[in-house]
């Protein structure tokens, strides 16, 4: 998820990606 957020990819919402990262 960190790589996904760092690359600013847009396949899924960044808010969703950050939430999933925090909750495993």
PDBML (XML) file of the C-alpha atoms, coordinates in Angstrom:
<?xml version="1.0" encoding="UTF-8" ?>
<PDBx:datablock datablockName="MODEL"
   xmlns:PDBx="http://pdbml.pdb.org/schema/pdbx-v50.xsd"
   xmlns:xsi="http://www.w3.org/2001/XMLSchema-instance"
   xsi:schemaLocation="http://pdbml.pdb.org/schema/pdbx-v50.xsd pdbx-v50.xsd">
   <PDBx:atom_siteCategory>
      <PDBx:atom_site id="1">
         <PDBx:B_iso_or_equiv>0.00</PDBx:B_iso_or_equiv>
         <PDBx:Cartn_x>0.000</PDBx:Cartn_x>
         <PDBx:Cartn_y>0.000</PDBx:Cartn_y>
         <PDBx:Cartn_z>0.000</PDBx:Cartn_z>
         <PDBx:auth_asym_id>A</PDBx:auth_asym_id>
         <PDBx:auth_atom_id>CA</PDBx:auth_atom_id>
         <PDBx:auth_comp_id>UNK</PDBx:auth_comp_id>
         <PDBx:auth_seq_id>1</PDBx:auth_seq_id>
         <PDBx:group_PDB>ATOM</PDBx:group_PDB>
         <PDBx:label_alt_id xsi:nil="true" />
         <PDBx:label_asym_id>A</PDBx:label_asym_id>
         <PDBx:label_atom_id>CA</PDBx:label_atom_id>
         <PDBx:label_comp_id>UNK</PDBx:label_comp_id>
         <PDBx:label_entity_id>1</PDBx:label_entity_id>
         <PDBx:label_seq_id>1</PDBx:label_seq_id>
         <PDBx:occupancy>1.00</PDBx:occupancy>
         <PDBx:pdbx_PDB_model_num>1</PDBx:pdbx_PDB_model_num>
         <PDBx:type_symbol>C</PDBx:type_symbol>
      </PDBx:atom_site>
      <PDBx:atom_site id="2">
         <PDBx:B_iso_or_equiv>0.00</PDBx:B_iso_or_equiv>
         <PDBx:Cartn_x>2.894</PDBx:Cartn_x>
         <PDBx:Cartn_y>2.353</PDBx:Cartn_y>
         <PDBx:Cartn_z>0.719</PDBx:Cartn_z>
         <PDBx:auth_asym_id>A</PDBx:auth_asym_id>
         <PDBx:auth_atom_id>CA</PDBx:auth_atom_id>
         <PDBx:auth_comp_id>UNK</PDBx:auth_comp_id>
         <PDBx:auth_seq_id>2</PDBx:auth_seq_id>
         <PDBx:group_PDB>ATOM</PDBx:group_PDB>
         <PDBx:label_alt_id xsi:nil="true" />
         <PDBx:label_asym_id>A</PDBx:label_asym_id>
         <PDBx:label_atom_id>CA</PDBx:label_atom_id>
         <PDBx:label_comp_id>UNK</PDBx:label_comp_id>
         <PDBx:label_entity_id>1</PDBx:label_entity_id>
         <PDBx:label_seq_id>2</PDBx:label_seq_id>
         <PDBx:occupancy>1.00</PDBx:occupancy>
         <PDBx:pdbx_PDB_model_num>1</PDBx:pdbx_PDB_model_num>
         <PDBx:type_symbol>C</PDBx:type_symbol>
      </PDBx:atom_site>
      <PDBx:atom_site id="3">
         <PDBx:B_iso_or_equiv>0.00</PDBx:B_iso_or_equiv>
         <PDBx:Cartn_x>4.240</PDBx:Cartn_x>
         <PDBx:Cartn_y>1.835</PDBx:Cartn_y>
         <PDBx:Cartn_z>-2.806</PDBx:Cartn_z>
         <PDBx:auth_asym_id>A</PDBx:auth_asym_id>
         <PDBx:auth_atom_id>CA</PDBx:auth_atom_id>
         <PDBx:auth_comp_id>UNK</PDBx:auth_comp_id>
         <PDBx:auth_seq_id>3</PDBx:auth_seq_id>
         <PDBx:group_PDB>ATOM</PDBx:group_PDB>
         <PDBx:label_alt_id xsi:nil="true" />
         <PDBx:label_asym_id>A</PDBx:label_asym_id>
         <PDBx:label_atom_id>CA</PDBx:label_atom_id>
         <PDBx:label_comp_id>UNK</PDBx:label_comp_id>
         <PDBx:label_entity_id>1</PDBx:label_entity_id>
         <PDBx:label_seq_id>3</PDBx:label_seq_id>
         <PDBx:occupancy>1.00</PDBx:occupancy>
         <PDBx:pdbx_PDB_model_num>1</PDBx:pdbx_PDB_model_num>
         <PDBx:type_symbol>C</PDBx:type_symbol>
      </PDBx:atom_site>
      <PDBx:atom_site id="4">
         <PDBx:B_iso_or_equiv>0.00</PDBx:B_iso_or_equiv>
         <PDBx:Cartn_x>0.766</PDBx:Cartn_x>
         <PDBx:Cartn_y>2.357</PDBx:Cartn_y>
         <PDBx:Cartn_z>-4.232</PDBx:Cartn_z>
         <PDBx:auth_asym_id>A</PDBx:auth_asym_id>
         <PDBx:auth_atom_id>CA</PDBx:auth_atom_id>
         <PDBx:auth_comp_id>UNK</PDBx:auth_comp_id>
         <PDBx:auth_seq_id>4</PDBx:auth_seq_id>
         <PDBx:group_PDB>ATOM</PDBx:group_PDB>
         <PDBx:label_alt_id xsi:nil="true" />
         <PDBx:label_asym_id>A</PDBx:label_asym_id>
         <PDBx:label_atom_id>CA</PDBx:label_atom_id>
         <PDBx:label_comp_id>UNK</PDBx:label_comp_id>
         <PDBx:label_entity_id>1</PDBx:label_entity_id>
         <PDBx:label_seq_id>4</PDBx:label_seq_id>
         <PDBx:occupancy>1.00</PDBx:occupancy>
         <PDBx:pdbx_PDB_model_num>1</PDBx:pdbx_PDB_model_num>
         <PDBx:type_symbol>C</PDBx:type_symbol>
      </PDBx:atom_site>
      <PDBx:atom_site id="5">
         <PDBx:B_iso_or_equiv>0.00</PDBx:B_iso_or_equiv>
         <PDBx:Cartn_x>0.377</PDBx:Cartn_x>
         <PDBx:Cartn_y>5.635</PDBx:Cartn_y>
         <PDBx:Cartn_z>-2.344</PDBx:Cartn_z>
         <PDBx:auth_asym_id>A</PDBx:auth_asym_id>
         <PDBx:auth_atom_id>CA</PDBx:auth_atom_id>
         <PDBx:auth_comp_id>UNK</PDBx:auth_comp_id>
         <PDBx:auth_seq_id>5</PDBx:auth_seq_id>
         <PDBx:group_PDB>ATOM</PDBx:group_PDB>
         <PDBx:label_alt_id xsi:nil="true" />
         <PDBx:label_asym_id>A</PDBx:label_asym_id>
         <PDBx:label_atom_id>CA</PDBx:label_atom_id>
         <PDBx:label_comp_id>UNK</PDBx:label_comp_id>
         <PDBx:label_entity_id>1</PDBx:label_entity_id>
         <PDBx:label_seq_id>5</PDBx:label_seq_id>
         <PDBx:occupancy>1.00</PDBx:occupancy>
         <PDBx:pdbx_PDB_model_num>1</PDBx:pdbx_PDB_model_num>
         <PDBx:type_symbol>C</PDBx:type_symbol>
      </PDBx:atom_site>
      <PDBx:atom_site id="6">
         <PDBx:B_iso_or_equiv>0.00</PDBx:B_iso_or_equiv>
         <PDBx:Cartn_x>3.902</PDBx:Cartn_x>
         <PDBx:Cartn_y>6.823</PDBx:Cartn_y>
         <PDBx:Cartn_z>-3.167</PDBx:Cartn_z>
         <PDBx:auth_asym_id>A</PDBx:auth_asym_id>
         <PDBx:auth_atom_id>CA</PDBx:auth_atom_id>
         <PDBx:auth_comp_id>UNK</PDBx:auth_comp_id>
         <PDBx:auth_seq_id>6</PDBx:auth_seq_id>
         <PDBx:group_PDB>ATOM</PDBx:group_PDB>
         <PDBx:label_alt_id xsi:nil="true" />
         <PDBx:label_asym_id>A</PDBx:label_asym_id>
         <PDBx:label_atom_id>CA</PDBx:label_atom_id>
         <PDBx:label_comp_id>UNK</PDBx:label_comp_id>
         <PDBx:label_entity_id>1</PDBx:label_entity_id>
         <PDBx:label_seq_id>6</PDBx:label_seq_id>
         <PDBx:occupancy>1.00</PDBx:occupancy>
         <PDBx:pdbx_PDB_model_num>1</PDBx:pdbx_PDB_model_num>
         <PDBx:type_symbol>C</PDBx:type_symbol>
      </PDBx:atom_site>
      <PDBx:atom_site id="7">
         <PDBx:B_iso_or_equiv>0.00</PDBx:B_iso_or_equiv>
         <PDBx:Cartn_x>3.345</PDBx:Cartn_x>
         <PDBx:Cartn_y>6.194</PDBx:Cartn_y>
         <PDBx:Cartn_z>-6.880</PDBx:Cartn_z>
         <PDBx:auth_asym_id>A</PDBx:auth_asym_id>
         <PDBx:auth_atom_id>CA</PDBx:auth_atom_id>
         <PDBx:auth_comp_id>UNK</PDBx:auth_comp_id>
         <PDBx:auth_seq_id>7</PDBx:auth_seq_id>
         <PDBx:group_PDB>ATOM</PDBx:group_PDB>
         <PDBx:label_alt_id xsi:nil="true" />
         <PDBx:label_asym_id>A</PDBx:label_asym_id>
         <PDBx:label_atom_id>CA</PDBx:label_atom_id>
         <PDBx:label_comp_id>UNK</PDBx:label_comp_id>
         <PDBx:label_entity_id>1</PDBx:label_entity_id>
         <PDBx:label_seq_id>7</PDBx:label_seq_id>
         <PDBx:occupancy>1.00</PDBx:occupancy>
         <PDBx:pdbx_PDB_model_num>1</PDBx:pdbx_PDB_model_num>
         <PDBx:type_symbol>C</PDBx:type_symbol>
      </PDBx:atom_site>
      <PDBx:atom_site id="8">
         <PDBx:B_iso_or_equiv>0.00</PDBx:B_iso_or_equiv>
         <PDBx:Cartn_x>0.001</PDBx:Cartn_x>
         <PDBx:Cartn_y>8.047</PDBx:Cartn_y>
         <PDBx:Cartn_z>-6.686</PDBx:Cartn_z>
         <PDBx:auth_asym_id>A</PDBx:auth_asym_id>
         <PDBx:auth_atom_id>CA</PDBx:auth_atom_id>
         <PDBx:auth_comp_id>UNK</PDBx:auth_comp_id>
         <PDBx:auth_seq_id>8</PDBx:auth_seq_id>
         <PDBx:group_PDB>ATOM</PDBx:group_PDB>
         <PDBx:label_alt_id xsi:nil="true" />
         <PDBx:label_asym_id>A</PDBx:label_asym_id>
         <PDBx:label_atom_id>CA</PDBx:label_atom_id>
         <PDBx:label_comp_id>UNK</PDBx:label_comp_id>
         <PDBx:label_entity_id>1</PDBx:label_entity_id>
         <PDBx:label_seq_id>8</PDBx:label_seq_id>
         <PDBx:occupancy>1.00</PDBx:occupancy>
         <PDBx:pdbx_PDB_model_num>1</PDBx:pdbx_PDB_model_num>
         <PDBx:type_symbol>C</PDBx:type_symbol>
      </PDBx:atom_site>
      <PDBx:atom_site id="9">
         <PDBx:B_iso_or_equiv>0.00</PDBx:B_iso_or_equiv>
         <PDBx:Cartn_x>-1.739</PDBx:Cartn_x>
         <PDBx:Cartn_y>5.338</PDBx:Cartn_y>
         <PDBx:Cartn_z>-8.716</PDBx:Cartn_z>
         <PDBx:auth_asym_id>A</PDBx:auth_asym_id>
         <PDBx:auth_atom_id>CA</PDBx:auth_atom_id>
         <PDBx:auth_comp_id>UNK</PDBx:auth_comp_id>
         <PDBx:auth_seq_id>9</PDBx:auth_seq_id>
         <PDBx:group_PDB>ATOM</PDBx:group_PDB>
         <PDBx:label_alt_id xsi:nil="true" />
         <PDBx:label_asym_id>A</PDBx:label_asym_id>
         <PDBx:label_atom_id>CA</PDBx:label_atom_id>
         <PDBx:label_comp_id>UNK</PDBx:label_comp_id>
         <PDBx:label_entity_id>1</PDBx:label_entity_id>
         <PDBx:label_seq_id>9</PDBx:label_seq_id>
         <PDBx:occupancy>1.00</PDBx:occupancy>
         <PDBx:pdbx_PDB_model_num>1</PDBx:pdbx_PDB_model_num>
         <PDBx:type_symbol>C</PDBx:type_symbol>
      </PDBx:atom_site>
      <PDBx:atom_site id="10">
         <PDBx:B_iso_or_equiv>0.00</PDBx:B_iso_or_equiv>
         <PDBx:Cartn_x>-5.435</PDBx:Cartn_x>
         <PDBx:Cartn_y>5.648</PDBx:Cartn_y>
         <PDBx:Cartn_z>-9.426</PDBx:Cartn_z>
         <PDBx:auth_asym_id>A</PDBx:auth_asym_id>
         <PDBx:auth_atom_id>CA</PDBx:auth_atom_id>
         <PDBx:auth_comp_id>UNK</PDBx:auth_comp_id>
         <PDBx:auth_seq_id>10</PDBx:auth_seq_id>
         <PDBx:group_PDB>ATOM</PDBx:group_PDB>
         <PDBx:label_alt_id xsi:nil="true" />
         <PDBx:label_asym_id>A</PDBx:label_asym_id>
         <PDBx:label_atom_id>CA</PDBx:label_atom_id>
         <PDBx:label_comp_id>UNK</PDBx:label_comp_id>
         <PDBx:label_entity_id>1</PDBx:label_entity_id>
         <PDBx:label_seq_id>10</PDBx:label_seq_id>
         <PDBx:occupancy>1.00</PDBx:occupancy>
         <PDBx:pdbx_PDB_model_num>1</PDBx:pdbx_PDB_model_num>
         <PDBx:type_symbol>C</PDBx:type_symbol>
      </PDBx:atom_site>
      <PDBx:atom_site id="11">
         <PDBx:B_iso_or_equiv>0.00</PDBx:B_iso_or_equiv>
         <PDBx:Cartn_x>-6.840</PDBx:Cartn_x>
         <PDBx:Cartn_y>2.127</PDBx:Cartn_y>
         <PDBx:Cartn_z>-9.851</PDBx:Cartn_z>
         <PDBx:auth_asym_id>A</PDBx:auth_asym_id>
         <PDBx:auth_atom_id>CA</PDBx:auth_atom_id>
         <PDBx:auth_comp_id>UNK</PDBx:auth_comp_id>
         <PDBx:auth_seq_id>11</PDBx:auth_seq_id>
         <PDBx:group_PDB>ATOM</PDBx:group_PDB>
         <PDBx:label_alt_id xsi:nil="true" />
         <PDBx:label_asym_id>A</PDBx:label_asym_id>
         <PDBx:label_atom_id>CA</PDBx:label_atom_id>
         <PDBx:label_comp_id>UNK</PDBx:label_comp_id>
         <PDBx:label_entity_id>1</PDBx:label_entity_id>
         <PDBx:label_seq_id>11</PDBx:label_seq_id>
         <PDBx:occupancy>1.00</PDBx:occupancy>
         <PDBx:pdbx_PDB_model_num>1</PDBx:pdbx_PDB_model_num>
         <PDBx:type_symbol>C</PDBx:type_symbol>
      </PDBx:atom_site>
      <PDBx:atom_site id="12">
         <PDBx:B_iso_or_equiv>0.00</PDBx:B_iso_or_equiv>
         <PDBx:Cartn_x>-8.515</PDBx:Cartn_x>
         <PDBx:Cartn_y>2.440</PDBx:Cartn_y>
         <PDBx:Cartn_z>-6.467</PDBx:Cartn_z>
         <PDBx:auth_asym_id>A</PDBx:auth_asym_id>
         <PDBx:auth_atom_id>CA</PDBx:auth_atom_id>
         <PDBx:auth_comp_id>UNK</PDBx:auth_comp_id>
         <PDBx:auth_seq_id>12</PDBx:auth_seq_id>
         <PDBx:group_PDB>ATOM</PDBx:group_PDB>
         <PDBx:label_alt_id xsi:nil="true" />
         <PDBx:label_asym_id>A</PDBx:label_asym_id>
         <PDBx:label_atom_id>CA</PDBx:label_atom_id>
         <PDBx:label_comp_id>UNK</PDBx:label_comp_id>
         <PDBx:label_entity_id>1</PDBx:label_entity_id>
         <PDBx:label_seq_id>12</PDBx:label_seq_id>
         <PDBx:occupancy>1.00</PDBx:occupancy>
         <PDBx:pdbx_PDB_model_num>1</PDBx:pdbx_PDB_model_num>
         <PDBx:type_symbol>C</PDBx:type_symbol>
      </PDBx:atom_site>
      <PDBx:atom_site id="13">
         <PDBx:B_iso_or_equiv>0.00</PDBx:B_iso_or_equiv>
         <PDBx:Cartn_x>-9.291</PDBx:Cartn_x>
         <PDBx:Cartn_y>5.509</PDBx:Cartn_y>
         <PDBx:Cartn_z>-4.395</PDBx:Cartn_z>
         <PDBx:auth_asym_id>A</PDBx:auth_asym_id>
         <PDBx:auth_atom_id>CA</PDBx:auth_atom_id>
         <PDBx:auth_comp_id>UNK</PDBx:auth_comp_id>
         <PDBx:auth_seq_id>13</PDBx:auth_seq_id>
         <PDBx:group_PDB>ATOM</PDBx:group_PDB>
         <PDBx:label_alt_id xsi:nil="true" />
         <PDBx:label_asym_id>A</PDBx:label_asym_id>
         <PDBx:label_atom_id>CA</PDBx:label_atom_id>
         <PDBx:label_comp_id>UNK</PDBx:label_comp_id>
         <PDBx:label_entity_id>1</PDBx:label_entity_id>
         <PDBx:label_seq_id>13</PDBx:label_seq_id>
         <PDBx:occupancy>1.00</PDBx:occupancy>
         <PDBx:pdbx_PDB_model_num>1</PDBx:pdbx_PDB_model_num>
         <PDBx:type_symbol>C</PDBx:type_symbol>
      </PDBx:atom_site>
      <PDBx:atom_site id="14">
         <PDBx:B_iso_or_equiv>0.00</PDBx:B_iso_or_equiv>
         <PDBx:Cartn_x>-6.293</PDBx:Cartn_x>
         <PDBx:Cartn_y>6.724</PDBx:Cartn_y>
         <PDBx:Cartn_z>-2.380</PDBx:Cartn_z>
         <PDBx:auth_asym_id>A</PDBx:auth_asym_id>
         <PDBx:auth_atom_id>CA</PDBx:auth_atom_id>
         <PDBx:auth_comp_id>UNK</PDBx:auth_comp_id>
         <PDBx:auth_seq_id>14</PDBx:auth_seq_id>
         <PDBx:group_PDB>ATOM</PDBx:group_PDB>
         <PDBx:label_alt_id xsi:nil="true" />
         <PDBx:label_asym_id>A</PDBx:label_asym_id>
         <PDBx:label_atom_id>CA</PDBx:label_atom_id>
         <PDBx:label_comp_id>UNK</PDBx:label_comp_id>
         <PDBx:label_entity_id>1</PDBx:label_entity_id>
         <PDBx:label_seq_id>14</PDBx:label_seq_id>
         <PDBx:occupancy>1.00</PDBx:occupancy>
         <PDBx:pdbx_PDB_model_num>1</PDBx:pdbx_PDB_model_num>
         <PDBx:type_symbol>C</PDBx:type_symbol>
      </PDBx:atom_site>
      <PDBx:atom_site id="15">
         <PDBx:B_iso_or_equiv>0.00</PDBx:B_iso_or_equiv>
         <PDBx:Cartn_x>-8.472</PDBx:Cartn_x>
         <PDBx:Cartn_y>7.158</PDBx:Cartn_y>
         <PDBx:Cartn_z>0.691</PDBx:Cartn_z>
         <PDBx:auth_asym_id>A</PDBx:auth_asym_id>
         <PDBx:auth_atom_id>CA</PDBx:auth_atom_id>
         <PDBx:auth_comp_id>UNK</PDBx:auth_comp_id>
         <PDBx:auth_seq_id>15</PDBx:auth_seq_id>
         <PDBx:group_PDB>ATOM</PDBx:group_PDB>
         <PDBx:label_alt_id xsi:nil="true" />
         <PDBx:label_asym_id>A</PDBx:label_asym_id>
         <PDBx:label_atom_id>CA</PDBx:label_atom_id>
         <PDBx:label_comp_id>UNK</PDBx:label_comp_id>
         <PDBx:label_entity_id>1</PDBx:label_entity_id>
         <PDBx:label_seq_id>15</PDBx:label_seq_id>
         <PDBx:occupancy>1.00</PDBx:occupancy>
         <PDBx:pdbx_PDB_model_num>1</PDBx:pdbx_PDB_model_num>
         <PDBx:type_symbol>C</PDBx:type_symbol>
      </PDBx:atom_site>
      <PDBx:atom_site id="16">
         <PDBx:B_iso_or_equiv>0.00</PDBx:B_iso_or_equiv>
         <PDBx:Cartn_x>-9.504</PDBx:Cartn_x>
         <PDBx:Cartn_y>3.501</PDBx:Cartn_y>
         <PDBx:Cartn_z>0.424</PDBx:Cartn_z>
         <PDBx:auth_asym_id>A</PDBx:auth_asym_id>
         <PDBx:auth_atom_id>CA</PDBx:auth_atom_id>
         <PDBx:auth_comp_id>UNK</PDBx:auth_comp_id>
         <PDBx:auth_seq_id>16</PDBx:auth_seq_id>
         <PDBx:group_PDB>ATOM</PDBx:group_PDB>
         <PDBx:label_alt_id xsi:nil="true" />
         <PDBx:label_asym_id>A</PDBx:label_asym_id>
         <PDBx:label_atom_id>CA</PDBx:label_atom_id>
         <PDBx:label_comp_id>UNK</PDBx:label_comp_id>
         <PDBx:label_entity_id>1</PDBx:label_entity_id>
         <PDBx:label_seq_id>16</PDBx:label_seq_id>
         <PDBx:occupancy>1.00</PDBx:occupancy>
         <PDBx:pdbx_PDB_model_num>1</PDBx:pdbx_PDB_model_num>
         <PDBx:type_symbol>C</PDBx:type_symbol>
      </PDBx:atom_site>
      <PDBx:atom_site id="17">
         <PDBx:B_iso_or_equiv>0.00</PDBx:B_iso_or_equiv>
         <PDBx:Cartn_x>-5.884</PDBx:Cartn_x>
         <PDBx:Cartn_y>2.418</PDBx:Cartn_y>
         <PDBx:Cartn_z>-0.066</PDBx:Cartn_z>
         <PDBx:auth_asym_id>A</PDBx:auth_asym_id>
         <PDBx:auth_atom_id>CA</PDBx:auth_atom_id>
         <PDBx:auth_comp_id>UNK</PDBx:auth_comp_id>
         <PDBx:auth_seq_id>17</PDBx:auth_seq_id>
         <PDBx:group_PDB>ATOM</PDBx:group_PDB>
         <PDBx:label_alt_id xsi:nil="true" />
         <PDBx:label_asym_id>A</PDBx:label_asym_id>
         <PDBx:label_atom_id>CA</PDBx:label_atom_id>
         <PDBx:label_comp_id>UNK</PDBx:label_comp_id>
         <PDBx:label_entity_id>1</PDBx:label_entity_id>
         <PDBx:label_seq_id>17</PDBx:label_seq_id>
         <PDBx:occupancy>1.00</PDBx:occupancy>
         <PDBx:pdbx_PDB_model_num>1</PDBx:pdbx_PDB_model_num>
         <PDBx:type_symbol>C</PDBx:type_symbol>
      </PDBx:atom_site>
      <PDBx:atom_site id="18">
         <PDBx:B_iso_or_equiv>0.00</PDBx:B_iso_or_equiv>
         <PDBx:Cartn_x>-4.754</PDBx:Cartn_x>
         <PDBx:Cartn_y>4.369</PDBx:Cartn_y>
         <PDBx:Cartn_z>2.995</PDBx:Cartn_z>
         <PDBx:auth_asym_id>A</PDBx:auth_asym_id>
         <PDBx:auth_atom_id>CA</PDBx:auth_atom_id>
         <PDBx:auth_comp_id>UNK</PDBx:auth_comp_id>
         <PDBx:auth_seq_id>18</PDBx:auth_seq_id>
         <PDBx:group_PDB>ATOM</PDBx:group_PDB>
         <PDBx:label_alt_id xsi:nil="true" />
         <PDBx:label_asym_id>A</PDBx:label_asym_id>
         <PDBx:label_atom_id>CA</PDBx:label_atom_id>
         <PDBx:label_comp_id>UNK</PDBx:label_comp_id>
         <PDBx:label_entity_id>1</PDBx:label_entity_id>
         <PDBx:label_seq_id>18</PDBx:label_seq_id>
         <PDBx:occupancy>1.00</PDBx:occupancy>
         <PDBx:pdbx_PDB_model_num>1</PDBx:pdbx_PDB_model_num>
         <PDBx:type_symbol>C</PDBx:type_symbol>
      </PDBx:atom_site>
      <PDBx:atom_site id="19">
         <PDBx:B_iso_or_equiv>0.00</PDBx:B_iso_or_equiv>
         <PDBx:Cartn_x>-7.581</PDBx:Cartn_x>
         <PDBx:Cartn_y>2.909</PDBx:Cartn_y>
         <PDBx:Cartn_z>5.076</PDBx:Cartn_z>
         <PDBx:auth_asym_id>A</PDBx:auth_asym_id>
         <PDBx:auth_atom_id>CA</PDBx:auth_atom_id>
         <PDBx:auth_comp_id>UNK</PDBx:auth_comp_id>
         <PDBx:auth_seq_id>19</PDBx:auth_seq_id>
         <PDBx:group_PDB>ATOM</PDBx:group_PDB>
         <PDBx:label_alt_id xsi:nil="true" />
         <PDBx:label_asym_id>A</PDBx:label_asym_id>
         <PDBx:label_atom_id>CA</PDBx:label_atom_id>
         <PDBx:label_comp_id>UNK</PDBx:label_comp_id>
         <PDBx:label_entity_id>1</PDBx:label_entity_id>
         <PDBx:label_seq_id>19</PDBx:label_seq_id>
         <PDBx:occupancy>1.00</PDBx:occupancy>
         <PDBx:pdbx_PDB_model_num>1</PDBx:pdbx_PDB_model_num>
         <PDBx:type_symbol>C</PDBx:type_symbol>
      </PDBx:atom_site>
      <PDBx:atom_site id="20">
         <PDBx:B_iso_or_equiv>0.00</PDBx:B_iso_or_equiv>
         <PDBx:Cartn_x>-6.749</PDBx:Cartn_x>
         <PDBx:Cartn_y>-0.662</PDBx:Cartn_y>
         <PDBx:Cartn_z>4.015</PDBx:Cartn_z>
         <PDBx:auth_asym_id>A</PDBx:auth_asym_id>
         <PDBx:auth_atom_id>CA</PDBx:auth_atom_id>
         <PDBx:auth_comp_id>UNK</PDBx:auth_comp_id>
         <PDBx:auth_seq_id>20</PDBx:auth_seq_id>
         <PDBx:group_PDB>ATOM</PDBx:group_PDB>
         <PDBx:label_alt_id xsi:nil="true" />
         <PDBx:label_asym_id>A</PDBx:label_asym_id>
         <PDBx:label_atom_id>CA</PDBx:label_atom_id>
         <PDBx:label_comp_id>UNK</PDBx:label_comp_id>
         <PDBx:label_entity_id>1</PDBx:label_entity_id>
         <PDBx:label_seq_id>20</PDBx:label_seq_id>
         <PDBx:occupancy>1.00</PDBx:occupancy>
         <PDBx:pdbx_PDB_model_num>1</PDBx:pdbx_PDB_model_num>
         <PDBx:type_symbol>C</PDBx:type_symbol>
      </PDBx:atom_site>
      <PDBx:atom_site id="21">
         <PDBx:B_iso_or_equiv>0.00</PDBx:B_iso_or_equiv>
         <PDBx:Cartn_x>-3.066</PDBx:Cartn_x>
         <PDBx:Cartn_y>-0.045</PDBx:Cartn_y>
         <PDBx:Cartn_z>4.783</PDBx:Cartn_z>
         <PDBx:auth_asym_id>A</PDBx:auth_asym_id>
         <PDBx:auth_atom_id>CA</PDBx:auth_atom_id>
         <PDBx:auth_comp_id>UNK</PDBx:auth_comp_id>
         <PDBx:auth_seq_id>21</PDBx:auth_seq_id>
         <PDBx:group_PDB>ATOM</PDBx:group_PDB>
         <PDBx:label_alt_id xsi:nil="true" />
         <PDBx:label_asym_id>A</PDBx:label_asym_id>
         <PDBx:label_atom_id>CA</PDBx:label_atom_id>
         <PDBx:label_comp_id>UNK</PDBx:label_comp_id>
         <PDBx:label_entity_id>1</PDBx:label_entity_id>
         <PDBx:label_seq_id>21</PDBx:label_seq_id>
         <PDBx:occupancy>1.00</PDBx:occupancy>
         <PDBx:pdbx_PDB_model_num>1</PDBx:pdbx_PDB_model_num>
         <PDBx:type_symbol>C</PDBx:type_symbol>
      </PDBx:atom_site>
      <PDBx:atom_site id="22">
         <PDBx:B_iso_or_equiv>0.00</PDBx:B_iso_or_equiv>
         <PDBx:Cartn_x>-3.905</PDBx:Cartn_x>
         <PDBx:Cartn_y>1.120</PDBx:Cartn_y>
         <PDBx:Cartn_z>8.301</PDBx:Cartn_z>
         <PDBx:auth_asym_id>A</PDBx:auth_asym_id>
         <PDBx:auth_atom_id>CA</PDBx:auth_atom_id>
         <PDBx:auth_comp_id>UNK</PDBx:auth_comp_id>
         <PDBx:auth_seq_id>22</PDBx:auth_seq_id>
         <PDBx:group_PDB>ATOM</PDBx:group_PDB>
         <PDBx:label_alt_id xsi:nil="true" />
         <PDBx:label_asym_id>A</PDBx:label_asym_id>
         <PDBx:label_atom_id>CA</PDBx:label_atom_id>
         <PDBx:label_comp_id>UNK</PDBx:label_comp_id>
         <PDBx:label_entity_id>1</PDBx:label_entity_id>
         <PDBx:label_seq_id>22</PDBx:label_seq_id>
         <PDBx:occupancy>1.00</PDBx:occupancy>
         <PDBx:pdbx_PDB_model_num>1</PDBx:pdbx_PDB_model_num>
         <PDBx:type_symbol>C</PDBx:type_symbol>
      </PDBx:atom_site>
      <PDBx:atom_site id="23">
         <PDBx:B_iso_or_equiv>0.00</PDBx:B_iso_or_equiv>
         <PDBx:Cartn_x>-6.218</PDBx:Cartn_x>
         <PDBx:Cartn_y>-1.841</PDBx:Cartn_y>
         <PDBx:Cartn_z>8.912</PDBx:Cartn_z>
         <PDBx:auth_asym_id>A</PDBx:auth_asym_id>
         <PDBx:auth_atom_id>CA</PDBx:auth_atom_id>
         <PDBx:auth_comp_id>UNK</PDBx:auth_comp_id>
         <PDBx:auth_seq_id>23</PDBx:auth_seq_id>
         <PDBx:group_PDB>ATOM</PDBx:group_PDB>
         <PDBx:label_alt_id xsi:nil="true" />
         <PDBx:label_asym_id>A</PDBx:label_asym_id>
         <PDBx:label_atom_id>CA</PDBx:label_atom_id>
         <PDBx:label_comp_id>UNK</PDBx:label_comp_id>
         <PDBx:label_entity_id>1</PDBx:label_entity_id>
         <PDBx:label_seq_id>23</PDBx:label_seq_id>
         <PDBx:occupancy>1.00</PDBx:occupancy>
         <PDBx:pdbx_PDB_model_num>1</PDBx:pdbx_PDB_model_num>
         <PDBx:type_symbol>C</PDBx:type_symbol>
      </PDBx:atom_site>
      <PDBx:atom_site id="24">
         <PDBx:B_iso_or_equiv>0.00</PDBx:B_iso_or_equiv>
         <PDBx:Cartn_x>-4.185</PDBx:Cartn_x>
         <PDBx:Cartn_y>-4.596</PDBx:Cartn_y>
         <PDBx:Cartn_z>7.232</PDBx:Cartn_z>
         <PDBx:auth_asym_id>A</PDBx:auth_asym_id>
         <PDBx:auth_atom_id>CA</PDBx:auth_atom_id>
         <PDBx:auth_comp_id>UNK</PDBx:auth_comp_id>
         <PDBx:auth_seq_id>24</PDBx:auth_seq_id>
         <PDBx:group_PDB>ATOM</PDBx:group_PDB>
         <PDBx:label_alt_id xsi:nil="true" />
         <PDBx:label_asym_id>A</PDBx:label_asym_id>
         <PDBx:label_atom_id>CA</PDBx:label_atom_id>
         <PDBx:label_comp_id>UNK</PDBx:label_comp_id>
         <PDBx:label_entity_id>1</PDBx:label_entity_id>
         <PDBx:label_seq_id>24</PDBx:label_seq_id>
         <PDBx:occupancy>1.00</PDBx:occupancy>
         <PDBx:pdbx_PDB_model_num>1</PDBx:pdbx_PDB_model_num>
         <PDBx:type_symbol>C</PDBx:type_symbol>
      </PDBx:atom_site>
   </PDBx:atom_siteCategory>
</PDBx:datablock>
